[in-house]
N, C-alpha and C. Protein backbone atom coordinates (compact mmCIF):
# COMPACT_ATOMS: atom_id res chain seq x y z
N UNK A 1 -11.04 19.06 -3.96
CA UNK A 1 -10.16 18.03 -3.04
C UNK A 1 -9.26 17.38 -4.25
N UNK A 2 -7.77 17.70 -3.91
CA UNK A 2 -7.01 17.25 -5.24
C UNK A 2 -7.39 15.58 -4.48
N UNK A 3 -7.22 14.58 -5.28
CA UNK A 3 -7.41 12.92 -4.94
C UNK A 3 -6.09 12.14 -4.10
N UNK A 4 -5.35 12.71 -4.29
CA UNK A 4 -3.71 12.56 -3.07
C UNK A 4 -4.15 13.39 -1.66
N UNK A 5 -5.33 14.37 -1.94
CA UNK A 5 -5.09 14.78 -0.49
C UNK A 5 -6.47 13.86 0.34
N UNK A 6 -7.28 13.25 -0.24
CA UNK A 6 -8.42 12.22 0.65
C UNK A 6 -7.68 11.39 1.89
N UNK A 7 -8.41 11.37 2.92
CA UNK A 7 -7.85 11.57 4.17
C UNK A 7 -7.37 9.73 4.29
N UNK A 8 -8.54 9.06 3.05
CA UNK A 8 -7.78 7.26 2.96
C UNK A 8 -5.95 7.13 2.51
N UNK A 9 -5.82 8.23 1.47
CA UNK A 9 -4.37 8.41 0.79
C UNK A 9 -3.28 8.85 2.13
N UNK A 10 -4.38 9.84 2.69
CA UNK A 10 -3.46 10.28 3.90
C UNK A 10 -2.75 9.38 4.47
N UNK A 11 -3.96 8.31 5.23
CA UNK A 11 -3.54 7.01 5.76
C UNK A 11 -2.78 6.54 5.56
N UNK A 12 -2.65 6.34 4.26
CA UNK A 12 -1.67 5.10 3.16
C UNK A 12 -0.53 5.70 3.23
N UNK A 13 -0.41 6.68 3.17
CA UNK A 13 0.91 7.41 3.33
C UNK A 13 1.85 7.01 4.97
N UNK A 14 0.89 7.51 5.83
CA UNK A 14 1.41 7.22 6.54
C UNK A 14 1.55 5.78 7.28
N UNK A 15 1.06 5.04 6.87
CA UNK A 15 0.79 3.35 7.01
C UNK A 15 2.05 3.49 6.57
N UNK A 16 2.57 3.88 5.47
CA UNK A 16 3.68 3.63 4.16
C UNK A 16 5.22 3.77 4.93
N UNK A 17 5.15 5.02 5.00
CA UNK A 17 6.34 5.64 5.24
C UNK A 17 6.57 5.57 6.81
N UNK A 18 5.86 5.66 7.61
CA UNK A 18 5.87 5.74 8.82
C UNK A 18 5.76 4.77 10.10
N UNK A 19 4.42 4.07 9.65
CA UNK A 19 4.29 2.84 10.31
C UNK A 19 4.99 1.84 9.62
N UNK A 20 5.31 1.94 8.24
CA UNK A 20 6.08 0.75 7.65
C UNK A 20 5.05 -0.69 8.02
N UNK A 21 3.57 -0.12 7.99
CA UNK A 21 2.74 -1.29 8.08
C UNK A 21 2.10 -1.38 6.67
N UNK A 22 2.81 -2.58 5.74
CA UNK A 22 2.02 -2.28 4.21
C UNK A 22 1.07 -2.73 3.98
N UNK A 23 0.51 -3.79 5.41
CA UNK A 23 -0.50 -4.36 4.95
C UNK A 23 -1.97 -3.49 5.05
N UNK A 24 -1.83 -2.97 6.16
CA UNK A 24 -2.66 -1.86 6.35
C UNK A 24 -2.68 -0.70 5.02
N UNK A 25 -1.65 -0.91 4.47
CA UNK A 25 -1.54 0.04 3.46
C UNK A 25 -2.55 -0.39 2.19
N UNK A 26 -2.74 -1.55 1.93
CA UNK A 26 -3.27 -2.55 1.05
C UNK A 26 -4.83 -2.57 2.12
N UNK A 27 -5.15 -2.74 3.18
CA UNK A 27 -6.30 -2.23 3.46
C UNK A 27 -7.04 -1.04 3.19
N UNK A 28 -6.56 0.38 3.61
CA UNK A 28 -6.77 1.65 3.22
C UNK A 28 -6.89 1.81 2.03
N UNK A 29 -6.26 1.47 1.12
CA UNK A 29 -6.00 1.43 -0.17
C UNK A 29 -7.08 0.79 -1.22
N UNK A 30 -6.97 -0.14 -0.93
CA UNK A 30 -8.22 -1.35 -0.96
C UNK A 30 -9.94 -0.19 -0.79
N UNK A 31 -10.08 0.36 0.40
CA UNK A 31 -10.95 0.65 0.72
C UNK A 31 -11.34 2.47 -0.08
N UNK A 32 -10.15 3.45 -0.22
CA UNK A 32 -10.10 4.02 -1.21
C UNK A 32 -10.81 3.89 -2.63
N UNK A 33 -9.98 2.75 -3.25
CA UNK A 33 -10.18 2.77 -4.89
C UNK A 33 -11.62 1.90 -4.68
N UNK A 34 -12.24 1.54 -3.65
CA UNK A 34 -14.00 1.10 -3.57
C UNK A 34 -14.38 2.39 -3.78
N UNK A 35 -13.97 3.67 -3.40
CA UNK A 35 -14.75 4.65 -3.26
C UNK A 35 -14.76 5.33 -4.40
N UNK A 36 -13.75 5.30 -5.38
CA UNK A 36 -13.29 5.85 -6.44
C UNK A 36 -13.47 4.98 -7.71
N UNK A 37 -13.01 4.18 -8.36
CA UNK A 37 -13.07 3.24 -9.13
C UNK A 37 -12.97 1.67 -9.01
N UNK A 38 -14.31 1.01 -8.29
CA UNK A 38 -14.42 0.02 -7.99
C UNK A 38 -14.60 -0.87 -9.34
N UNK A 39 -13.66 -1.93 -9.06
CA UNK A 39 -13.83 -3.00 -10.32
C UNK A 39 -12.54 -2.46 -11.36
N UNK A 40 -12.50 -1.51 -11.08
CA UNK A 40 -11.11 -1.03 -12.60
C UNK A 40 -9.82 -0.93 -11.84
N UNK A 41 -9.30 -2.22 -12.23
CA UNK A 41 -8.20 -3.12 -11.74
C UNK A 41 -7.18 -2.34 -12.49
N UNK A 42 -7.72 -1.68 -13.18
CA UNK A 42 -6.09 -0.63 -13.92
C UNK A 42 -5.94 0.83 -13.38
N UNK A 43 -6.91 1.14 -12.38
CA UNK A 43 -6.90 2.07 -12.21
C UNK A 43 -5.67 2.78 -10.88
N UNK A 44 -4.88 3.90 -11.19
CA UNK A 44 -3.40 4.14 -10.81
C UNK A 44 -3.68 3.65 -8.88
N UNK A 45 -4.62 3.71 -8.54
CA UNK A 45 -5.18 3.67 -7.42
C UNK A 45 -4.26 2.02 -6.90
N UNK A 46 -4.70 1.06 -7.85
CA UNK A 46 -4.05 -0.15 -7.59
C UNK A 46 -2.96 -0.03 -7.69
N UNK A 47 -2.55 0.39 -8.24
CA UNK A 47 -0.69 0.49 -8.35
C UNK A 47 -0.19 0.82 -7.43
N UNK A 48 -0.89 1.75 -6.26
CA UNK A 48 -0.17 2.06 -4.77
C UNK A 48 -0.50 0.94 -4.19
N UNK A 49 -1.91 0.52 -4.36
CA UNK A 49 -2.37 -0.74 -3.62
C UNK A 49 -1.04 -1.83 -3.48
N UNK A 50 -0.73 -2.04 -5.09
CA UNK A 50 0.02 -3.20 -5.60
C UNK A 50 1.99 -2.92 -5.00
N UNK A 51 2.06 -1.66 -4.81
CA UNK A 51 3.36 -1.47 -4.17
C UNK A 51 3.22 -1.46 -2.64
N UNK A 52 2.28 -1.57 -2.33
CA UNK A 52 2.39 -1.99 -0.37
C UNK A 52 2.60 -3.46 -0.33
N UNK A 53 1.63 -3.86 -1.58
CA UNK A 53 1.71 -5.88 -1.27
C UNK A 53 3.10 -6.04 -1.65
N UNK A 54 3.50 -5.65 -2.72
CA UNK A 54 5.35 -5.80 -3.01
C UNK A 54 6.22 -5.81 -1.57
N UNK A 55 5.97 -4.49 -0.80
CA UNK A 55 6.79 -4.58 0.33
C UNK A 55 6.83 -5.69 1.24
N UNK A 56 5.18 -5.58 1.26
CA UNK A 56 4.80 -7.06 2.26
C UNK A 56 5.50 -8.05 1.95
N UNK A 57 5.00 -8.48 0.76
CA UNK A 57 5.87 -9.87 0.50
C UNK A 57 7.41 -9.68 0.17
N UNK A 58 8.04 -8.77 -0.19
CA UNK A 58 9.12 -8.83 -0.11
C UNK A 58 9.75 -8.41 1.24
N UNK A 59 9.13 -8.04 2.47
CA UNK A 59 9.36 -7.91 3.73
C UNK A 59 9.71 -9.66 4.46
N UNK A 60 8.33 -10.49 3.94
CA UNK A 60 8.44 -11.69 4.49
C UNK A 60 9.31 -12.89 3.66
N UNK A 61 10.19 -12.55 2.71
CA UNK A 61 10.89 -12.92 1.33
C UNK A 61 9.81 -14.03 0.68
N UNK A 62 8.91 -13.16 0.09
CA UNK A 62 8.00 -13.91 -0.75
C UNK A 62 8.37 -12.99 -2.23
N UNK A 63 9.80 -13.21 -2.61
CA UNK A 63 9.77 -12.83 -3.84
C UNK A 63 8.85 -13.34 -5.20
N UNK A 64 8.43 -14.40 -5.01
CA UNK A 64 7.68 -14.25 -6.49
C UNK A 64 6.35 -13.21 -6.21
N UNK A 65 6.01 -13.16 -5.28
CA UNK A 65 4.79 -12.43 -4.80
C UNK A 65 4.73 -10.71 -4.87
N UNK A 66 6.21 -10.68 -4.12
CA UNK A 66 6.67 -9.22 -4.61
C UNK A 66 6.89 -8.98 -5.86
N UNK A 67 7.72 -9.83 -6.58
CA UNK A 67 8.13 -9.30 -7.91
C UNK A 67 6.63 -9.02 -8.68
N UNK A 68 5.97 -10.33 -8.69
CA UNK A 68 4.59 -9.56 -9.73
C UNK A 68 3.75 -8.48 -8.81
N UNK A 69 3.96 -8.34 -7.97
CA UNK A 69 3.28 -6.76 -7.30
C UNK A 69 3.61 -6.11 -7.70
N UNK A 70 5.11 -5.82 -7.51
CA UNK A 70 6.03 -4.28 -8.12
C UNK A 70 5.99 -4.53 -9.69
N UNK A 71 5.90 -5.56 -10.62
CA UNK A 71 5.83 -5.22 -11.79
C UNK A 71 3.81 -4.61 -12.39
N UNK A 72 3.48 -5.08 -11.63
CA UNK A 72 1.64 -4.62 -12.11
C UNK A 72 1.52 -3.13 -11.64
N UNK A 73 2.40 -2.97 -10.25
CA UNK A 73 2.44 -1.54 -9.70
C UNK A 73 2.82 -0.58 -11.18
N UNK A 74 4.31 -0.75 -11.20
CA UNK A 74 4.92 -0.24 -11.98
C UNK A 74 4.51 -0.25 -13.10
N UNK A 75 3.93 -0.62 -13.72
CA UNK A 75 2.79 -0.66 -15.02
C UNK A 75 1.91 0.67 -14.92
N UNK A 76 1.25 0.75 -13.53
CA UNK A 76 0.10 1.22 -13.57
C UNK A 76 0.49 2.34 -12.92
N UNK A 77 1.64 3.20 -12.19
CA UNK A 77 2.11 4.27 -11.89
C UNK A 77 3.15 4.79 -12.83
N UNK A 78 3.49 4.19 -13.88
CA UNK A 78 4.28 4.87 -14.82
C UNK A 78 3.82 6.24 -15.55
N UNK A 79 2.65 6.05 -15.94
CA UNK A 79 1.84 7.32 -16.96
C UNK A 79 2.25 8.42 -16.23
N UNK A 80 1.82 8.37 -14.84
CA UNK A 80 1.97 9.50 -14.12
C UNK A 80 0.31 9.55 -13.93
N UNK A 81 0.50 11.50 -13.95
CA UNK A 81 -1.07 11.99 -14.38
C UNK A 81 -1.70 12.45 -12.35
N UNK A 82 -2.87 12.54 -12.50
CA UNK A 82 -2.94 13.14 -10.98
C UNK A 82 -2.74 12.24 -10.06
N UNK A 83 -2.74 10.76 -10.04
CA UNK A 83 -2.35 9.89 -8.83
C UNK A 83 -0.96 9.94 -8.33
N UNK A 84 -0.50 10.71 -9.19
CA UNK A 84 0.96 11.13 -8.75
C UNK A 84 1.62 12.64 -8.38
N UNK A 85 0.85 13.20 -8.54
CA UNK A 85 1.05 14.99 -8.66
C UNK A 85 1.34 14.72 -6.74
N UNK A 86 2.25 15.63 -6.17
CA UNK A 86 2.53 15.92 -5.24
C UNK A 86 3.65 15.07 -4.41
N UNK A 87 4.22 13.93 -5.37
CA UNK A 87 4.72 12.45 -5.13
C UNK A 87 5.88 12.94 -6.20
N UNK A 88 7.08 12.68 -5.82
CA UNK A 88 8.34 12.59 -6.98
C UNK A 88 8.05 11.04 -7.73
N UNK A 89 7.47 11.81 -8.81
CA UNK A 89 7.02 10.38 -9.43
C UNK A 89 8.50 9.95 -9.98
N UNK A 90 9.21 10.44 -10.61
CA UNK A 90 10.43 9.87 -11.32
C UNK A 90 11.10 9.01 -9.78
N UNK A 91 11.23 9.24 -8.71
CA UNK A 91 11.69 8.41 -7.61
C UNK A 91 10.67 7.40 -7.25
N UNK A 92 9.61 7.21 -7.77
CA UNK A 92 8.83 6.18 -7.13
C UNK A 92 8.71 4.90 -8.45
N UNK A 93 8.94 5.52 -9.18
CA UNK A 93 9.34 4.32 -10.56
C UNK A 93 10.73 4.03 -10.49
N UNK A 94 11.33 4.79 -9.69
CA UNK A 94 13.11 4.27 -9.06
C UNK A 94 12.75 3.19 -8.19
N UNK A 95 12.16 3.35 -7.37
CA UNK A 95 11.88 2.57 -6.51
C UNK A 95 11.46 1.41 -6.79
N UNK A 96 10.60 1.63 -8.03
CA UNK A 96 9.78 0.32 -8.52
C UNK A 96 11.22 -0.64 -8.94
N UNK A 97 11.64 0.12 -10.19
CA UNK A 97 12.69 -0.52 -10.75
C UNK A 97 13.40 -1.33 -10.07
N UNK A 98 14.02 -0.63 -9.11
CA UNK A 98 15.14 -1.09 -7.82
C UNK A 98 14.54 -2.50 -7.27
N UNK A 99 13.73 -2.17 -6.41
CA UNK A 99 12.72 -3.43 -5.72
C UNK A 99 12.50 -4.35 -6.86
N UNK A 100 12.28 -4.55 -8.14
CA UNK A 100 11.88 -5.44 -9.15
C UNK A 100 13.47 -6.01 -9.32
N UNK A 101 14.07 -5.10 -9.48
CA UNK A 101 15.94 -5.83 -9.58
C UNK A 101 16.38 -6.76 -8.38
N UNK A 102 15.62 -6.00 -7.18
CA UNK A 102 16.11 -6.39 -6.01
C UNK A 102 15.74 -7.83 -5.19
N UNK A 103 14.35 -7.98 -5.97
CA UNK A 103 13.94 -9.25 -5.40
C UNK A 103 14.10 -10.23 -6.58
N UNK A 104 14.04 -10.46 -8.09
CA UNK A 104 14.69 -10.94 -8.76
C UNK A 104 16.04 -11.58 -8.65
N UNK A 105 16.55 -11.06 -7.82
CA UNK A 105 17.73 -11.17 -7.39
C UNK A 105 17.85 -12.07 -6.10
N UNK A 106 16.49 -11.75 -5.36
CA UNK A 106 16.91 -12.28 -3.62
C UNK A 106 17.37 -11.27 -2.93
N UNK A 107 17.74 -10.37 -3.07
CA UNK A 107 18.04 -9.45 -2.23
C UNK A 107 17.38 -9.64 -0.89
N UNK A 108 17.89 -9.38 0.07
CA UNK A 108 17.30 -9.03 1.05
C UNK A 108 16.21 -7.54 1.12
N UNK A 109 15.05 -7.60 2.12
CA UNK A 109 14.16 -6.21 2.33
C UNK A 109 14.67 -4.92 2.31
N UNK A 110 14.60 -4.20 1.45
CA UNK A 110 15.34 -2.59 1.98
C UNK A 110 13.61 -1.98 2.08
N UNK A 111 13.85 -0.64 3.30
CA UNK A 111 12.55 -0.15 3.65
C UNK A 111 12.72 0.95 2.48
N UNK A 112 11.76 1.27 2.10
CA UNK A 112 11.55 2.11 0.86
C UNK A 112 10.19 3.06 1.47
N UNK A 113 10.52 4.70 0.93
CA UNK A 113 9.73 5.55 1.58
C UNK A 113 9.12 6.51 0.34
N UNK A 114 8.16 6.72 0.74
CA UNK A 114 7.24 7.56 -0.83
C UNK A 114 7.65 8.90 -0.54
N UNK A 115 7.99 8.95 -1.71
CA UNK A 115 8.85 10.38 -2.03
C UNK A 115 7.95 11.89 -2.09
N UNK A 116 7.43 12.23 -0.80
CA UNK A 116 6.29 13.34 -0.88
C UNK A 116 7.32 14.51 -0.72
N UNK A 117 6.42 15.28 -2.47
CA UNK A 117 7.10 16.76 -1.88
C UNK A 117 6.33 17.86 -2.13
N UNK A 118 4.98 17.76 -1.93
CA UNK A 118 4.04 18.32 -2.16
C UNK A 118 4.04 19.04 -0.50
N UNK A 119 4.21 20.29 -0.41
CA UNK A 119 4.28 20.91 0.94
C UNK A 119 2.77 20.56 1.70
N UNK A 120 1.22 20.72 0.78
CA UNK A 120 0.38 20.39 1.16
C UNK A 120 0.23 18.82 1.56
N UNK A 121 0.41 18.03 1.03
CA UNK A 121 0.25 16.93 1.19
C UNK A 121 1.37 16.52 2.83
N UNK A 122 2.66 16.63 2.81
CA UNK A 122 3.30 17.13 3.75
C UNK A 122 2.57 17.67 5.39
N UNK A 123 1.95 18.71 4.97
CA UNK A 123 1.29 19.02 6.19
C UNK A 123 -0.13 18.16 6.66
N UNK A 124 -0.41 17.72 5.50
CA UNK A 124 -1.85 16.88 5.79
C UNK A 124 -1.26 15.60 6.70
N UNK A 125 -0.09 15.31 6.25
CA UNK A 125 0.31 14.02 6.74
C UNK A 125 0.75 14.44 8.48
N UNK A 126 1.38 15.60 8.40
CA UNK A 126 1.42 15.87 9.81
C UNK A 126 0.48 15.79 10.45
N UNK A 127 -0.78 16.46 9.99
CA UNK A 127 -1.82 16.90 10.64
C UNK A 127 -2.61 15.42 11.13
N UNK A 128 -2.59 14.25 10.45
CA UNK A 128 -3.16 13.22 10.76
C UNK A 128 -1.84 12.59 11.85
N UNK A 129 -0.80 12.63 11.76
CA UNK A 129 -0.50 11.95 12.79
C UNK A 129 -0.25 13.05 14.33
N UNK A 130 -0.77 14.07 13.94
CA UNK A 130 -0.82 15.01 15.83
C UNK A 130 -2.39 14.53 16.06
N UNK A 131 -3.28 14.48 15.33
CA UNK A 131 -4.70 13.95 15.76
C UNK A 131 -4.41 12.06 16.03
N UNK A 132 -3.60 11.20 15.21
CA UNK A 132 -3.63 9.86 15.39
C UNK A 132 -2.32 9.71 15.69
N UNK A 133 -1.77 9.48 17.36
CA UNK A 133 -0.37 8.95 17.61
C UNK A 133 -0.48 7.68 16.91
N UNK A 134 0.97 7.42 16.26
CA UNK A 134 1.30 6.18 15.99
C UNK A 134 1.31 5.20 16.62
N UNK A 135 0.77 4.04 16.48
CA UNK A 135 0.85 2.84 17.42
C UNK A 135 2.14 2.22 17.51
N UNK A 136 2.51 1.61 18.83
CA UNK A 136 3.85 0.87 18.98
C UNK A 136 3.51 -0.26 18.03
N UNK A 137 4.35 -1.22 16.78
CA UNK A 137 3.82 -2.01 16.55
C UNK A 137 5.17 -3.13 16.73
N UNK A 138 5.02 -4.26 16.91
CA UNK A 138 5.63 -5.42 16.98
C UNK A 138 6.19 -5.98 15.29
N UNK A 139 7.69 -5.63 15.29
CA UNK A 139 7.95 -6.38 13.94
C UNK A 139 7.28 -7.24 13.58
N UNK A 140 7.17 -8.45 14.48
CA UNK A 140 6.55 -9.80 13.94
C UNK A 140 5.18 -9.83 13.75
N UNK A 141 4.66 -8.90 14.09
CA UNK A 141 3.18 -9.16 13.67
C UNK A 141 3.35 -8.11 12.57
N UNK A 142 3.80 -7.30 12.34
CA UNK A 142 4.03 -6.54 10.72
C UNK A 142 4.60 -7.28 9.50
N UNK A 143 5.05 -8.03 9.84
CA UNK A 143 5.72 -9.11 9.02
C UNK A 143 4.90 -9.95 8.65
N UNK A 144 3.94 -10.58 9.44
CA UNK A 144 2.72 -11.68 9.48
C UNK A 144 1.37 -11.20 9.96
N UNK A 145 1.12 -10.20 9.71
CA UNK A 145 -0.28 -9.85 9.96
C UNK A 145 -1.25 -10.06 9.68
N UNK A 146 -1.45 -10.68 8.00
CA UNK A 146 -2.32 -11.51 7.36
C UNK A 146 -2.70 -12.66 8.16
N UNK A 147 -2.00 -12.95 8.95
CA UNK A 147 -1.49 -14.64 9.49
C UNK A 147 -2.33 -14.27 10.95
N UNK A 148 -2.08 -13.31 11.57
CA UNK A 148 -2.18 -13.28 12.90
C UNK A 148 -3.16 -12.05 13.18
N UNK A 149 -3.56 -11.45 12.47
CA UNK A 149 -5.10 -10.62 12.56
C UNK A 149 -6.36 -11.45 12.99
N UNK A 150 -7.07 -10.75 13.54
CA UNK A 150 -8.09 -11.40 14.32
C UNK A 150 -8.88 -11.36 12.61
N UNK A 151 -9.41 -12.44 12.18
CA UNK A 151 -10.16 -13.05 11.30
C UNK A 151 -11.55 -13.35 11.61
N UNK A 152 -12.36 -13.06 12.15
CA UNK A 152 -13.27 -13.76 12.68
C UNK A 152 -14.74 -13.29 12.24
N UNK A 153 -14.78 -11.81 12.03
CA UNK A 153 -15.86 -11.47 10.74
C UNK A 153 -15.47 -11.80 9.23
N UNK A 154 -14.29 -12.11 8.88
CA UNK A 154 -14.01 -12.51 7.80
C UNK A 154 -14.61 -13.72 7.67
N UNK A 155 -14.41 -14.88 8.58
CA UNK A 155 -14.14 -15.93 8.94
C UNK A 155 -16.36 -15.91 8.65
N UNK A 156 -17.01 -15.39 9.51
CA UNK A 156 -17.99 -14.79 9.53
C UNK A 156 -19.10 -14.80 8.33
N UNK A 157 -18.50 -13.76 7.93
CA UNK A 157 -19.08 -13.52 6.16
C UNK A 157 -18.90 -14.38 5.18
N UNK A 158 -17.78 -15.61 5.47
CA UNK A 158 -17.72 -16.37 4.20
C UNK A 158 -18.96 -17.49 4.94
N UNK A 159 -19.06 -18.29 5.59
CA UNK A 159 -20.19 -18.91 6.13
C UNK A 159 -21.77 -18.16 5.76
N UNK A 160 -21.57 -17.26 6.09
CA UNK A 160 -23.05 -16.85 5.80
C UNK A 160 -23.12 -16.76 3.78
N UNK A 161 -22.46 -16.38 3.34
CA UNK A 161 -22.23 -16.44 1.92
C UNK A 161 -22.34 -17.93 1.65
N UNK A 162 -21.58 -19.04 2.43
CA UNK A 162 -21.93 -20.38 2.15
C UNK A 162 -23.30 -20.65 2.20
N UNK A 163 -24.16 -20.35 3.15
CA UNK A 163 -25.59 -20.43 3.51
C UNK A 163 -26.33 -20.05 2.19
N UNK A 164 -25.84 -18.84 1.81
CA UNK A 164 -27.00 -18.24 0.97
C UNK A 164 -26.96 -19.04 -0.53
N UNK A 165 -25.63 -19.96 -1.03
CA UNK A 165 -25.36 -20.22 -1.73
C UNK A 165 -25.97 -21.60 -1.70
N UNK A 166 -26.46 -22.26 -0.74
CA UNK A 166 -26.83 -23.67 -0.68
C UNK A 166 -28.08 -23.94 -1.18
């Protein structure tokens, strides 16, 4: 299977292009990265993750966070290779270049889409959508998801870790 045909990357594209849920892109991308290249912070998958994080920050007007994320994403995605096959690589770099300039100039958020060109990848996204109806998302929730989501499991894990370290 081509790496970009993996179900987690398909979900990433759906979250990014159709749902505009950039926080969820980060979560899904990180799950995939942990399967493929855990601890390799220069892996191209981290570039995809940082692209989504940049969009999340930009939408929230966190310009410094967006800028850092876009710059890091561009470094990791510029090389191309298998991790951008089926995507219009030149357009992805153009999106990152534009986004870096826009956040530097403090311009308002602009919705971007990953330019998928592979018919196989397009069909995989369509199949995913037919099996998983897109949720109706509250724009406020999408914008502030990291603060509004249920964090009880995260808090519980942190407490367990503290107790072990005592």
